[in-house]
Amino acid sequence: MAQAISIGSKLAAGFVRLARQAAGFAYTRIYFGRHPAGVRGPALILFPVSGTTIACGLCGLVTYKPEHPLADDPLAPVEKLEPVAGKVFSHRLAGPENIPADIESFYLGGDDTLRELK
């Protein structure tokens, strides 16, 4: 029963977050053919323009720019990735002639690197 309550509360929290985001769309500006860097968020840009990127699919049709930059996102701790990036770089393959016999444990640091990323 405790697990059912936990799942129900997570669903309720998800619906509340979704409702807040939907309410935030009421204040979203809509632009046509603009570069995302040139508009203030929150903004919905139809057919965004970029001089260096050719976007295809949905990204080529619509871009959403949030009010606050995503760099402030606590889910992206870049400081924790720096030591792992060094380890991955030191365990790369230089070419097909340098493939070690235990490639699964060597390549990109093996399972230890994956555990560090969690």
PDB file of N, CA and C in Angstrom:
ATOM      1  N   MET A   1       0.818  -1.194   0.000  1.00  0.00           N
ATOM      2  CA  MET A   1       0.000   0.000   0.000  1.00  0.00           C
ATOM      3  C   MET A   1       0.862   1.259   0.000  1.00  0.00           C
ATOM      4  N   ALA A   2       1.999   1.196   0.712  1.00  0.00           N
ATOM      5  CA  ALA A   2       2.872   2.367   0.758  1.00  0.00           C
ATOM      6  C   ALA A   2       3.436   2.690  -0.619  1.00  0.00           C
ATOM      7  N   GLN A   3       3.687   1.641  -1.417  1.00  0.00           N
ATOM      8  CA  GLN A   3       4.216   1.872  -2.758  1.00  0.00           C
ATOM      9  C   GLN A   3       3.154   2.518  -3.643  1.00  0.00           C
ATOM     10  N   ALA A   4       1.889   2.130  -3.475  1.00  0.00           N
ATOM     11  CA  ALA A   4       0.815   2.727  -4.266  1.00  0.00           C
ATOM     12  C   ALA A   4       0.670   4.211  -3.946  1.00  0.00           C
ATOM     13  N   ILE A   5       0.816   4.568  -2.672  1.00  0.00           N
ATOM     14  CA  ILE A   5       0.731   5.977  -2.282  1.00  0.00           C
ATOM     15  C   ILE A   5       1.903   6.752  -2.870  1.00  0.00           C
ATOM     16  N   SER A   6       3.089   6.128  -2.858  1.00  0.00           N
ATOM     17  CA  SER A   6       4.265   6.790  -3.406  1.00  0.00           C
ATOM     18  C   SER A   6       4.107   7.037  -4.901  1.00  0.00           C
ATOM     19  N   ILE A   7       3.602   6.042  -5.625  1.00  0.00           N
ATOM     20  CA  ILE A   7       3.391   6.207  -7.062  1.00  0.00           C
ATOM     21  C   ILE A   7       2.320   7.256  -7.319  1.00  0.00           C
ATOM     22  N   GLY A   8       1.258   7.238  -6.510  1.00  0.00           N
ATOM     23  CA  GLY A   8       0.198   8.237  -6.668  1.00  0.00           C
ATOM     24  C   GLY A   8       0.693   9.638  -6.399  1.00  0.00           C
ATOM     25  N   SER A   9       1.527   9.803  -5.378  1.00  0.00           N
ATOM     26  CA  SER A   9       2.040  11.137  -5.083  1.00  0.00           C
ATOM     27  C   SER A   9       3.002  11.615  -6.167  1.00  0.00           C
ATOM     28  N   LYS A  10       3.758  10.697  -6.765  1.00  0.00           N
ATOM     29  CA  LYS A  10       4.646  11.079  -7.868  1.00  0.00           C
ATOM     30  C   LYS A  10       3.834  11.493  -9.084  1.00  0.00           C
ATOM     31  N   LEU A  11       2.746  10.777  -9.348  1.00  0.00           N
ATOM     32  CA  LEU A  11       1.880  11.158 -10.460  1.00  0.00           C
ATOM     33  C   LEU A  11       1.246  12.526 -10.215  1.00  0.00           C
ATOM     34  N   ALA A  12       0.795  12.756  -8.985  1.00  0.00           N
ATOM     35  CA  ALA A  12       0.193  14.048  -8.649  1.00  0.00           C
ATOM     36  C   ALA A  12       1.209  15.169  -8.799  1.00  0.00           C
ATOM     37  N   ALA A  13       2.436  14.927  -8.335  1.00  0.00           N
ATOM     38  CA  ALA A  13       3.483  15.944  -8.472  1.00  0.00           C
ATOM     39  C   ALA A  13       3.785  16.207  -9.940  1.00  0.00           C
ATOM     40  N   GLY A  14       3.770  15.158 -10.763  1.00  0.00           N
ATOM     41  CA  GLY A  14       3.993  15.331 -12.193  1.00  0.00           C
ATOM     42  C   GLY A  14       2.893  16.146 -12.848  1.00  0.00           C
ATOM     43  N   PHE A  15       1.635  15.908 -12.446  1.00  0.00           N
ATOM     44  CA  PHE A  15       0.524  16.690 -13.000  1.00  0.00           C
ATOM     45  C   PHE A  15       0.593  18.141 -12.567  1.00  0.00           C
ATOM     46  N   VAL A  16       1.012  18.395 -11.331  1.00  0.00           N
ATOM     47  CA  VAL A  16       1.154  19.775 -10.854  1.00  0.00           C
ATOM     48  C   VAL A  16       2.244  20.491 -11.653  1.00  0.00           C
ATOM     49  N   ARG A  17       3.370  19.809 -11.880  1.00  0.00           N
ATOM     50  CA  ARG A  17       4.453  20.410 -12.657  1.00  0.00           C
ATOM     51  C   ARG A  17       4.003  20.690 -14.092  1.00  0.00           C
ATOM     52  N   LEU A  18       3.247  19.745 -14.665  1.00  0.00           N
ATOM     53  CA  LEU A  18       2.735  19.934 -16.023  1.00  0.00           C
ATOM     54  C   LEU A  18       1.765  21.107 -16.094  1.00  0.00           C
ATOM     55  N   ALA A  19       0.919  21.249 -15.063  1.00  0.00           N
ATOM     56  CA  ALA A  19      -0.032  22.365 -15.030  1.00  0.00           C
ATOM     57  C   ALA A  19       0.694  23.701 -14.912  1.00  0.00           C
ATOM     58  N   ARG A  20       1.759  23.747 -14.123  1.00  0.00           N
ATOM     59  CA  ARG A  20       2.536  24.985 -13.993  1.00  0.00           C
ATOM     60  C   ARG A  20       3.195  25.353 -15.312  1.00  0.00           C
ATOM     61  N   GLN A  21       3.717  24.351 -16.007  1.00  0.00           N
ATOM     62  CA  GLN A  21       4.339  24.628 -17.300  1.00  0.00           C
ATOM     63  C   GLN A  21       3.301  25.095 -18.306  1.00  0.00           C
ATOM     64  N   ALA A  22       2.122  24.475 -18.287  1.00  0.00           N
ATOM     65  CA  ALA A  22       1.064  24.887 -19.205  1.00  0.00           C
ATOM     66  C   ALA A  22       0.628  26.318 -18.916  1.00  0.00           C
ATOM     67  N   ALA A  23       0.560  26.683 -17.629  1.00  0.00           N
ATOM     68  CA  ALA A  23       0.205  28.060 -17.276  1.00  0.00           C
ATOM     69  C   ALA A  23       1.285  29.028 -17.735  1.00  0.00           C
ATOM     70  N   GLY A  24       2.537  28.582 -17.712  1.00  0.00           N
ATOM     71  CA  GLY A  24       3.636  29.426 -18.170  1.00  0.00           C
ATOM     72  C   GLY A  24       3.585  29.705 -19.663  1.00  0.00           C
ATOM     73  N   PHE A  25       2.977  28.811 -20.435  1.00  0.00           N
ATOM     74  CA  PHE A  25       2.866  29.032 -21.875  1.00  0.00           C
ATOM     75  C   PHE A  25       1.951  30.210 -22.209  1.00  0.00           C
ATOM     76  N   ALA A  26       1.107  30.614 -21.277  1.00  0.00           N
ATOM     77  CA  ALA A  26       0.244  31.768 -21.522  1.00  0.00           C
ATOM     78  C   ALA A  26       1.070  33.044 -21.686  1.00  0.00           C
ATOM     79  N   TYR A  27       2.258  33.081 -21.097  1.00  0.00           N
ATOM     80  CA  TYR A  27       3.127  34.255 -21.167  1.00  0.00           C
ATOM     81  C   TYR A  27       4.242  34.092 -22.196  1.00  0.00           C
ATOM     82  N   THR A  28       4.175  33.042 -22.990  1.00  0.00           N
ATOM     83  CA  THR A  28       5.209  32.769 -23.979  1.00  0.00           C
ATOM     84  C   THR A  28       4.995  33.602 -25.229  1.00  0.00           C
ATOM     85  N   ARG A  29       6.052  34.295 -25.655  1.00  0.00           N
ATOM     86  CA  ARG A  29       5.996  35.063 -26.891  1.00  0.00           C
ATOM     87  C   ARG A  29       6.198  34.110 -28.063  1.00  0.00           C
ATOM     88  N   ILE A  30       5.580  34.402 -29.182  1.00  0.00           N
ATOM     89  CA  ILE A  30       5.715  33.570 -30.379  1.00  0.00           C
ATOM     90  C   ILE A  30       6.396  34.396 -31.467  1.00  0.00           C
ATOM     91  N   TYR A  31       7.473  33.835 -32.022  1.00  0.00           N
ATOM     92  CA  TYR A  31       8.238  34.498 -33.074  1.00  0.00           C
ATOM     93  C   TYR A  31       8.273  33.616 -34.312  1.00  0.00           C
ATOM     94  N   PHE A  32       8.497  34.224 -35.459  1.00  0.00           N
ATOM     95  CA  PHE A  32       8.580  33.516 -36.725  1.00  0.00           C
ATOM     96  C   PHE A  32       9.894  33.881 -37.403  1.00  0.00           C
ATOM     97  N   GLY A  33      10.722  32.856 -37.676  1.00  0.00           N
ATOM     98  CA  GLY A  33      11.959  33.087 -38.408  1.00  0.00           C
ATOM     99  C   GLY A  33      12.979  33.935 -37.684  1.00  0.00           C
ATOM    100  N   ARG A  34      13.167  33.733 -36.401  1.00  0.00           N
ATOM    101  CA  ARG A  34      14.145  34.509 -35.618  1.00  0.00           C
ATOM    102  C   ARG A  34      15.227  33.579 -35.089  1.00  0.00           C
ATOM    103  N   HIS A  35      16.384  34.149 -34.771  1.00  0.00           N
ATOM    104  CA  HIS A  35      17.463  33.401 -34.146  1.00  0.00           C
ATOM    105  C   HIS A  35      17.180  33.317 -32.649  1.00  0.00           C
ATOM    106  N   PRO A  36      17.317  32.142 -32.020  1.00  0.00           N
ATOM    107  CA  PRO A  36      17.012  32.012 -30.590  1.00  0.00           C
ATOM    108  C   PRO A  36      17.814  32.945 -29.692  1.00  0.00           C
ATOM    109  N   ALA A  37      19.047  33.288 -30.083  1.00  0.00           N
ATOM    110  CA  ALA A  37      19.852  34.183 -29.256  1.00  0.00           C
ATOM    111  C   ALA A  37      19.318  35.608 -29.272  1.00  0.00           C
ATOM    112  N   GLY A  38      18.529  35.944 -30.281  1.00  0.00           N
ATOM    113  CA  GLY A  38      18.032  37.310 -30.412  1.00  0.00           C
ATOM    114  C   GLY A  38      16.675  37.561 -29.784  1.00  0.00           C
ATOM    115  N   VAL A  39      16.125  36.579 -29.098  1.00  0.00           N
ATOM    116  CA  VAL A  39      14.817  36.763 -28.464  1.00  0.00           C
ATOM    117  C   VAL A  39      14.924  36.508 -26.969  1.00  0.00           C
ATOM    118  N   ARG A  40      14.034  37.132 -26.227  1.00  0.00           N
ATOM    119  CA  ARG A  40      13.993  36.955 -24.779  1.00  0.00           C
ATOM    120  C   ARG A  40      12.992  35.851 -24.454  1.00  0.00           C
ATOM    121  N   GLY A  41      13.358  34.971 -23.548  1.00  0.00           N
ATOM    122  CA  GLY A  41      12.476  33.873 -23.165  1.00  0.00           C
ATOM    123  C   GLY A  41      11.462  34.303 -22.134  1.00  0.00           C
ATOM    124  N   PRO A  42      10.406  33.580 -21.973  1.00  0.00           N
ATOM    125  CA  PRO A  42      10.056  32.371 -22.693  1.00  0.00           C
ATOM    126  C   PRO A  42       9.536  32.703 -24.090  1.00  0.00           C
ATOM    127  N   ALA A  43       9.987  31.918 -25.072  1.00  0.00           N
ATOM    128  CA  ALA A  43       9.610  32.189 -26.455  1.00  0.00           C
ATOM    129  C   ALA A  43       9.464  30.889 -27.228  1.00  0.00           C
ATOM    130  N   LEU A  44       8.492  30.864 -28.094  1.00  0.00           N
ATOM    131  CA  LEU A  44       8.287  29.774 -29.033  1.00  0.00           C
ATOM    132  C   LEU A  44       8.629  30.330 -30.409  1.00  0.00           C
ATOM    133  N   ILE A  45       9.634  29.743 -31.067  1.00  0.00           N
ATOM    134  CA  ILE A  45      10.110  30.260 -32.340  1.00  0.00           C
ATOM    135  C   ILE A  45       9.750  29.258 -33.435  1.00  0.00           C
ATOM    136  N   LEU A  46       8.935  29.699 -34.373  1.00  0.00           N
ATOM    137  CA  LEU A  46       8.580  28.874 -35.518  1.00  0.00           C
ATOM    138  C   LEU A  46       9.579  29.134 -36.631  1.00  0.00           C
ATOM    139  N   PHE A  47      10.109  28.097 -37.225  1.00  0.00           N
ATOM    140  CA  PHE A  47      11.143  28.170 -38.257  1.00  0.00           C
ATOM    141  C   PHE A  47      12.339  29.002 -37.775  1.00  0.00           C
ATOM    142  N   PRO A  48      13.025  28.517 -36.717  1.00  0.00           N
ATOM    143  CA  PRO A  48      14.172  29.258 -36.187  1.00  0.00           C
ATOM    144  C   PRO A  48      15.304  29.361 -37.213  1.00  0.00           C
ATOM    145  N   VAL A  49      16.033  30.454 -37.148  1.00  0.00           N
ATOM    146  CA  VAL A  49      17.121  30.722 -38.088  1.00  0.00           C
ATOM    147  C   VAL A  49      18.447  30.629 -37.338  1.00  0.00           C
ATOM    148  N   SER A  50      19.389  29.906 -37.916  1.00  0.00           N
ATOM    149  CA  SER A  50      20.721  29.820 -37.343  1.00  0.00           C
ATOM    150  C   SER A  50      21.720  29.802 -38.480  1.00  0.00           C
ATOM    151  N   GLY A  51      22.767  30.597 -38.354  1.00  0.00           N
ATOM    152  CA  GLY A  51      23.765  30.674 -39.412  1.00  0.00           C
ATOM    153  C   GLY A  51      24.720  29.504 -39.438  1.00  0.00           C
ATOM    154  N   THR A  52      24.786  28.731 -38.350  1.00  0.00           N
ATOM    155  CA  THR A  52      25.782  27.667 -38.278  1.00  0.00           C
ATOM    156  C   THR A  52      25.179  26.275 -38.149  1.00  0.00           C
ATOM    157  N   THR A  53      23.878  26.168 -37.988  1.00  0.00           N
ATOM    158  CA  THR A  53      23.246  24.871 -37.775  1.00  0.00           C
ATOM    159  C   THR A  53      22.133  24.651 -38.787  1.00  0.00           C
ATOM    160  N   ILE A  54      22.148  23.500 -39.398  1.00  0.00           N
ATOM    161  CA  ILE A  54      21.040  23.113 -40.262  1.00  0.00           C
ATOM    162  C   ILE A  54      20.228  22.084 -39.488  1.00  0.00           C
ATOM    163  N   ALA A  55      19.072  22.490 -39.007  1.00  0.00           N
ATOM    164  CA  ALA A  55      18.229  21.599 -38.216  1.00  0.00           C
ATOM    165  C   ALA A  55      17.225  20.907 -39.119  1.00  0.00           C
ATOM    166  N   CYS A  56      16.937  19.665 -38.797  1.00  0.00           N
ATOM    167  CA  CYS A  56      15.949  18.934 -39.579  1.00  0.00           C
ATOM    168  C   CYS A  56      14.876  18.399 -38.630  1.00  0.00           C
ATOM    169  N   GLY A  57      13.769  17.986 -39.179  1.00  0.00           N
ATOM    170  CA  GLY A  57      12.693  17.446 -38.370  1.00  0.00           C
ATOM    171  C   GLY A  57      12.027  18.526 -37.548  1.00  0.00           C
ATOM    172  N   LEU A  58      11.607  18.164 -36.360  1.00  0.00           N
ATOM    173  CA  LEU A  58      10.890  19.088 -35.484  1.00  0.00           C
ATOM    174  C   LEU A  58      11.764  20.267 -35.066  1.00  0.00           C
ATOM    175  N   CYS A  59      13.076  20.024 -34.877  1.00  0.00           N
ATOM    176  CA  CYS A  59      13.985  21.116 -34.485  1.00  0.00           C
ATOM    177  C   CYS A  59      14.080  22.186 -35.558  1.00  0.00           C
ATOM    178  N   GLY A  60      13.886  21.812 -36.805  1.00  0.00           N
ATOM    179  CA  GLY A  60      13.916  22.784 -37.883  1.00  0.00           C
ATOM    180  C   GLY A  60      12.638  23.596 -37.984  1.00  0.00           C
ATOM    181  N   LEU A  61      11.585  23.109 -37.337  1.00  0.00           N
ATOM    182  CA  LEU A  61      10.298  23.796 -37.395  1.00  0.00           C
ATOM    183  C   LEU A  61      10.003  24.640 -36.164  1.00  0.00           C
ATOM    184  N   VAL A  62      10.378  24.127 -34.981  1.00  0.00           N
ATOM    185  CA  VAL A  62       9.998  24.787 -33.726  1.00  0.00           C
ATOM    186  C   VAL A  62      11.158  24.742 -32.746  1.00  0.00           C
ATOM    187  N   THR A  63      11.385  25.851 -32.067  1.00  0.00           N
ATOM    188  CA  THR A  63      12.345  25.920 -30.967  1.00  0.00           C
ATOM    189  C   THR A  63      11.675  26.620 -29.803  1.00  0.00           C
ATOM    190  N   TYR A  64      11.927  26.109 -28.596  1.00  0.00           N
ATOM    191  CA  TYR A  64      11.401  26.761 -27.396  1.00  0.00           C
ATOM    192  C   TYR A  64      12.582  27.280 -26.591  1.00  0.00           C
ATOM    193  N   LYS A  65      12.549  28.550 -26.252  1.00  0.00           N
ATOM    194  CA  LYS A  65      13.595  29.144 -25.418  1.00  0.00           C
ATOM    195  C   LYS A  65      12.982  29.432 -24.058  1.00  0.00           C
ATOM    196  N   PRO A  66      13.487  28.789 -22.994  1.00  0.00           N
ATOM    197  CA  PRO A  66      12.928  29.023 -21.664  1.00  0.00           C
ATOM    198  C   PRO A  66      13.290  30.404 -21.131  1.00  0.00           C
ATOM    199  N   GLU A  67      12.594  30.790 -20.085  1.00  0.00           N
ATOM    200  CA  GLU A  67      12.845  32.110 -19.490  1.00  0.00           C
ATOM    201  C   GLU A  67      14.231  32.170 -18.853  1.00  0.00           C
ATOM    202  N   HIS A  68      14.618  31.091 -18.186  1.00  0.00           N
ATOM    203  CA  HIS A  68      15.922  31.038 -17.528  1.00  0.00           C
ATOM    204  C   HIS A  68      16.813  30.070 -18.288  1.00  0.00           C
ATOM    205  N   PRO A  69      18.090  30.365 -18.426  1.00  0.00           N
ATOM    206  CA  PRO A  69      18.977  29.464 -19.165  1.00  0.00           C
ATOM    207  C   PRO A  69      19.080  28.098 -18.494  1.00  0.00           C
ATOM    208  N   LEU A  70      19.292  27.079 -19.299  1.00  0.00           N
ATOM    209  CA  LEU A  70      19.376  25.727 -18.769  1.00  0.00           C
ATOM    210  C   LEU A  70      20.685  25.469 -18.038  1.00  0.00           C
ATOM    211  N   ALA A  71      21.665  26.368 -18.141  1.00  0.00           N
ATOM    212  CA  ALA A  71      22.931  26.185 -17.437  1.00  0.00           C
ATOM    213  C   ALA A  71      22.730  26.189 -15.931  1.00  0.00           C
ATOM    214  N   ASP A  72      21.650  26.791 -15.457  1.00  0.00           N
ATOM    215  CA  ASP A  72      21.357  26.805 -14.027  1.00  0.00           C
ATOM    216  C   ASP A  72      20.675  25.525 -13.575  1.00  0.00           C
ATOM    217  N   ASP A  73      20.509  24.565 -14.480  1.00  0.00           N
ATOM    218  CA  ASP A  73      19.820  23.318 -14.184  1.00  0.00           C
ATOM    219  C   ASP A  73      20.658  22.483 -13.219  1.00  0.00           C
ATOM    220  N   PRO A  74      20.119  22.111 -12.052  1.00  0.00           N
ATOM    221  CA  PRO A  74      20.890  21.308 -11.105  1.00  0.00           C
ATOM    222  C   PRO A  74      21.096  19.876 -11.583  1.00  0.00           C
ATOM    223  N   LEU A  75      20.436  19.470 -12.656  1.00  0.00           N
ATOM    224  CA  LEU A  75      20.593  18.117 -13.161  1.00  0.00           C
ATOM    225  C   LEU A  75      21.826  17.971 -14.050  1.00  0.00           C
ATOM    226  N   ALA A  76      22.536  19.052 -14.314  1.00  0.00           N
ATOM    227  CA  ALA A  76      23.709  18.994 -15.183  1.00  0.00           C
ATOM    228  C   ALA A  76      24.961  19.479 -14.452  1.00  0.00           C
ATOM    229  N   PRO A  77      25.483  18.689 -13.483  1.00  0.00           N
ATOM    230  CA  PRO A  77      26.686  19.110 -12.759  1.00  0.00           C
ATOM    231  C   PRO A  77      27.951  18.851 -13.585  1.00  0.00           C
ATOM    232  N   VAL A  78      28.385  19.859 -14.306  1.00  0.00           N
ATOM    233  CA  VAL A  78      29.529  19.714 -15.207  1.00  0.00           C
ATOM    234  C   VAL A  78      30.810  19.428 -14.425  1.00  0.00           C
ATOM    235  N   GLU A  79      30.916  19.939 -13.210  1.00  0.00           N
ATOM    236  CA  GLU A  79      32.141  19.731 -12.425  1.00  0.00           C
ATOM    237  C   GLU A  79      32.402  18.247 -12.194  1.00  0.00           C
ATOM    238  N   LYS A  80      31.339  17.462 -12.057  1.00  0.00           N
ATOM    239  CA  LYS A  80      31.504  16.032 -11.820  1.00  0.00           C
ATOM    240  C   LYS A  80      31.947  15.292 -13.075  1.00  0.00           C
ATOM    241  N   LEU A  81      31.724  15.879 -14.236  1.00  0.00           N
ATOM    242  CA  LEU A  81      32.075  15.209 -15.484  1.00  0.00           C
ATOM    243  C   LEU A  81      33.523  15.434 -15.897  1.00  0.00           C
ATOM    244  N   GLU A  82      34.170  16.486 -15.390  1.00  0.00           N
ATOM    245  CA  GLU A  82      35.529  16.797 -15.815  1.00  0.00           C
ATOM    246  C   GLU A  82      36.532  15.675 -15.538  1.00  0.00           C
ATOM    247  N   PRO A  83      36.552  15.068 -14.309  1.00  0.00           N
ATOM    248  CA  PRO A  83      37.507  13.973 -14.096  1.00  0.00           C
ATOM    249  C   PRO A  83      37.199  12.745 -14.950  1.00  0.00           C
ATOM    250  N   VAL A  84      35.913  12.489 -15.170  1.00  0.00           N
ATOM    251  CA  VAL A  84      35.527  11.336 -15.982  1.00  0.00           C
ATOM    252  C   VAL A  84      35.917  11.571 -17.438  1.00  0.00           C
ATOM    253  N   ALA A  85      35.793  12.805 -17.912  1.00  0.00           N
ATOM    254  CA  ALA A  85      36.172  13.117 -19.291  1.00  0.00           C
ATOM    255  C   ALA A  85      37.659  12.858 -19.515  1.00  0.00           C
ATOM    256  N   GLY A  86      38.491  13.185 -18.530  1.00  0.00           N
ATOM    257  CA  GLY A  86      39.921  12.899 -18.640  1.00  0.00           C
ATOM    258  C   GLY A  86      40.203  11.415 -18.709  1.00  0.00           C
ATOM    259  N   LYS A  87      39.455  10.650 -17.923  1.00  0.00           N
ATOM    260  CA  LYS A  87      39.638   9.198 -17.926  1.00  0.00           C
ATOM    261  C   LYS A  87      39.209   8.600 -19.269  1.00  0.00           C
ATOM    262  N   VAL A  88      38.088   9.081 -19.796  1.00  0.00           N
ATOM    263  CA  VAL A  88      37.601   8.594 -21.093  1.00  0.00           C
ATOM    264  C   VAL A  88      38.619   8.936 -22.184  1.00  0.00           C
ATOM    265  N   PHE A  89      39.161  10.152 -22.148  1.00  0.00           N
ATOM    266  CA  PHE A  89      40.136  10.579 -23.158  1.00  0.00           C
ATOM    267  C   PHE A  89      41.392   9.716 -23.116  1.00  0.00           C
ATOM    268  N   SER A  90      41.827   9.333 -21.919  1.00  0.00           N
ATOM    269  CA  SER A  90      43.045   8.528 -21.812  1.00  0.00           C
ATOM    270  C   SER A  90      42.811   7.065 -22.196  1.00  0.00           C
ATOM    271  N   HIS A  91      41.555   6.630 -22.287  1.00  0.00           N
ATOM    272  CA  HIS A  91      41.246   5.246 -22.660  1.00  0.00           C
ATOM    273  C   HIS A  91      40.586   5.150 -24.039  1.00  0.00           C
ATOM    274  N   ARG A  92      40.925   6.058 -24.911  1.00  0.00           N
ATOM    275  CA  ARG A  92      40.358   5.992 -26.259  1.00  0.00           C
ATOM    276  C   ARG A  92      41.219   5.082 -27.121  1.00  0.00           C
ATOM    277  N   LEU A  93      40.664   4.686 -28.245  1.00  0.00           N
ATOM    278  CA  LEU A  93      41.418   3.845 -29.176  1.00  0.00           C
ATOM    279  C   LEU A  93      42.110   4.745 -30.191  1.00  0.00           C
ATOM    280  N   ALA A  94      43.406   4.549 -30.361  1.00  0.00           N
ATOM    281  CA  ALA A  94      44.174   5.373 -31.293  1.00  0.00           C
ATOM    282  C   ALA A  94      43.983   4.911 -32.729  1.00  0.00           C
ATOM    283  N   GLY A  95      43.628   3.667 -32.930  1.00  0.00           N
ATOM    284  CA  GLY A  95      43.429   3.140 -34.281  1.00  0.00           C
ATOM    285  C   GLY A  95      43.190   1.653 -34.224  1.00  0.00           C
ATOM    286  N   PRO A  96      42.864   1.062 -35.334  1.00  0.00           N
ATOM    287  CA  PRO A  96      42.539  -0.358 -35.329  1.00  0.00           C
ATOM    288  C   PRO A  96      43.722  -1.255 -34.963  1.00  0.00           C
ATOM    289  N   GLU A  97      44.941  -0.769 -35.150  1.00  0.00           N
ATOM    290  CA  GLU A  97      46.104  -1.588 -34.817  1.00  0.00           C
ATOM    291  C   GLU A  97      46.394  -1.615 -33.314  1.00  0.00           C
ATOM    292  N   ASN A  98      45.778  -0.724 -32.553  1.00  0.00           N
ATOM    293  CA  ASN A  98      46.051  -0.636 -31.116  1.00  0.00           C
ATOM    294  C   ASN A  98      44.912  -1.174 -30.254  1.00  0.00           C
ATOM    295  N   ILE A  99      44.090  -2.051 -30.754  1.00  0.00           N
ATOM    296  CA  ILE A  99      42.963  -2.585 -29.989  1.00  0.00           C
ATOM    297  C   ILE A  99      43.478  -3.632 -29.011  1.00  0.00           C
ATOM    298  N   PRO A 100      43.278  -3.412 -27.699  1.00  0.00           N
ATOM    299  CA  PRO A 100      43.743  -4.391 -26.714  1.00  0.00           C
ATOM    300  C   PRO A 100      42.837  -5.618 -26.687  1.00  0.00           C
ATOM    301  N   ALA A 101      43.349  -6.711 -26.136  1.00  0.00           N
ATOM    302  CA  ALA A 101      42.579  -7.953 -26.061  1.00  0.00           C
ATOM    303  C   ALA A 101      41.364  -7.793 -25.150  1.00  0.00           C
ATOM    304  N   ASP A 102      41.517  -7.045 -24.071  1.00  0.00           N
ATOM    305  CA  ASP A 102      40.403  -6.832 -23.131  1.00  0.00           C
ATOM    306  C   ASP A 102      39.727  -5.490 -23.408  1.00  0.00           C
ATOM    307  N   ILE A 103      39.247  -5.324 -24.623  1.00  0.00           N
ATOM    308  CA  ILE A 103      38.687  -4.043 -25.057  1.00  0.00           C
ATOM    309  C   ILE A 103      37.500  -3.611 -24.196  1.00  0.00           C
ATOM    310  N   GLU A 104      36.696  -4.547 -23.721  1.00  0.00           N
ATOM    311  CA  GLU A 104      35.513  -4.181 -22.940  1.00  0.00           C
ATOM    312  C   GLU A 104      35.882  -3.488 -21.636  1.00  0.00           C
ATOM    313  N   SER A 105      36.979  -3.890 -21.022  1.00  0.00           N
ATOM    314  CA  SER A 105      37.380  -3.250 -19.769  1.00  0.00           C
ATOM    315  C   SER A 105      38.256  -2.019 -20.011  1.00  0.00           C
ATOM    316  N   PHE A 106      38.844  -1.900 -21.208  1.00  0.00           N
ATOM    317  CA  PHE A 106      39.730  -0.777 -21.493  1.00  0.00           C
ATOM    318  C   PHE A 106      39.009   0.411 -22.116  1.00  0.00           C
ATOM    319  N   TYR A 107      38.213   0.150 -23.150  1.00  0.00           N
ATOM    320  CA  TYR A 107      37.648   1.221 -23.972  1.00  0.00           C
ATOM    321  C   TYR A 107      36.811   2.190 -23.150  1.00  0.00           C
ATOM    322  N   LEU A 108      37.154   3.458 -23.193  1.00  0.00           N
ATOM    323  CA  LEU A 108      36.499   4.554 -22.472  1.00  0.00           C
ATOM    324  C   LEU A 108      36.475   4.355 -20.962  1.00  0.00           C
ATOM    325  N   GLY A 109      37.344   3.506 -20.455  1.00  0.00           N
ATOM    326  CA  GLY A 109      37.428   3.299 -19.011  1.00  0.00           C
ATOM    327  C   GLY A 109      36.622   2.134 -18.497  1.00  0.00           C
ATOM    328  N   GLY A 110      35.864   1.479 -19.345  1.00  0.00           N
ATOM    329  CA  GLY A 110      35.103   0.298 -18.955  1.00  0.00           C
ATOM    330  C   GLY A 110      33.952   0.587 -18.007  1.00  0.00           C
ATOM    331  N   ASP A 111      33.564  -0.437 -17.260  1.00  0.00           N
ATOM    332  CA  ASP A 111      32.411  -0.337 -16.353  1.00  0.00           C
ATOM    333  C   ASP A 111      32.645   0.653 -15.210  1.00  0.00           C
ATOM    334  N   ASP A 112      33.900   0.824 -14.800  1.00  0.00           N
ATOM    335  CA  ASP A 112      34.185   1.770 -13.715  1.00  0.00           C
ATOM    336  C   ASP A 112      33.765   3.189 -14.098  1.00  0.00           C
ATOM    337  N   THR A 113      34.002   3.560 -15.344  1.00  0.00           N
ATOM    338  CA  THR A 113      33.613   4.894 -15.803  1.00  0.00           C
ATOM    339  C   THR A 113      32.096   5.054 -15.785  1.00  0.00           C
ATOM    340  N   LEU A 114      31.389   4.032 -16.203  1.00  0.00           N
ATOM    341  CA  LEU A 114      29.927   4.098 -16.173  1.00  0.00           C
ATOM    342  C   LEU A 114      29.409   4.241 -14.755  1.00  0.00           C
ATOM    343  N   ARG A 115      30.021   3.531 -13.822  1.00  0.00           N
ATOM    344  CA  ARG A 115      29.597   3.654 -12.411  1.00  0.00           C
ATOM    345  C   ARG A 115      29.860   5.070 -11.880  1.00  0.00           C
ATOM    346  N   GLU A 116      30.959   5.687 -12.292  1.00  0.00           N
ATOM    347  CA  GLU A 116      31.262   7.045 -11.853  1.00  0.00           C
ATOM    348  C   GLU A 116      30.246   8.058 -12.383  1.00  0.00           C
ATOM    349  N   LEU A 117      29.694   7.787 -13.555  1.00  0.00           N
ATOM    350  CA  LEU A 117      28.731   8.706 -14.150  1.00  0.00           C
ATOM    351  C   LEU A 117      27.378   8.651 -13.452  1.00  0.00           C
ATOM    352  N   LYS A 118      27.068   7.577 -12.764  1.00  0.00           N
ATOM    353  CA  LYS A 118      25.768   7.451 -12.099  1.00  0.00           C
ATOM    354  C   LYS A 118      25.664   8.310 -10.915  1.00  0.00           C
TER     355      LYS A 118
END
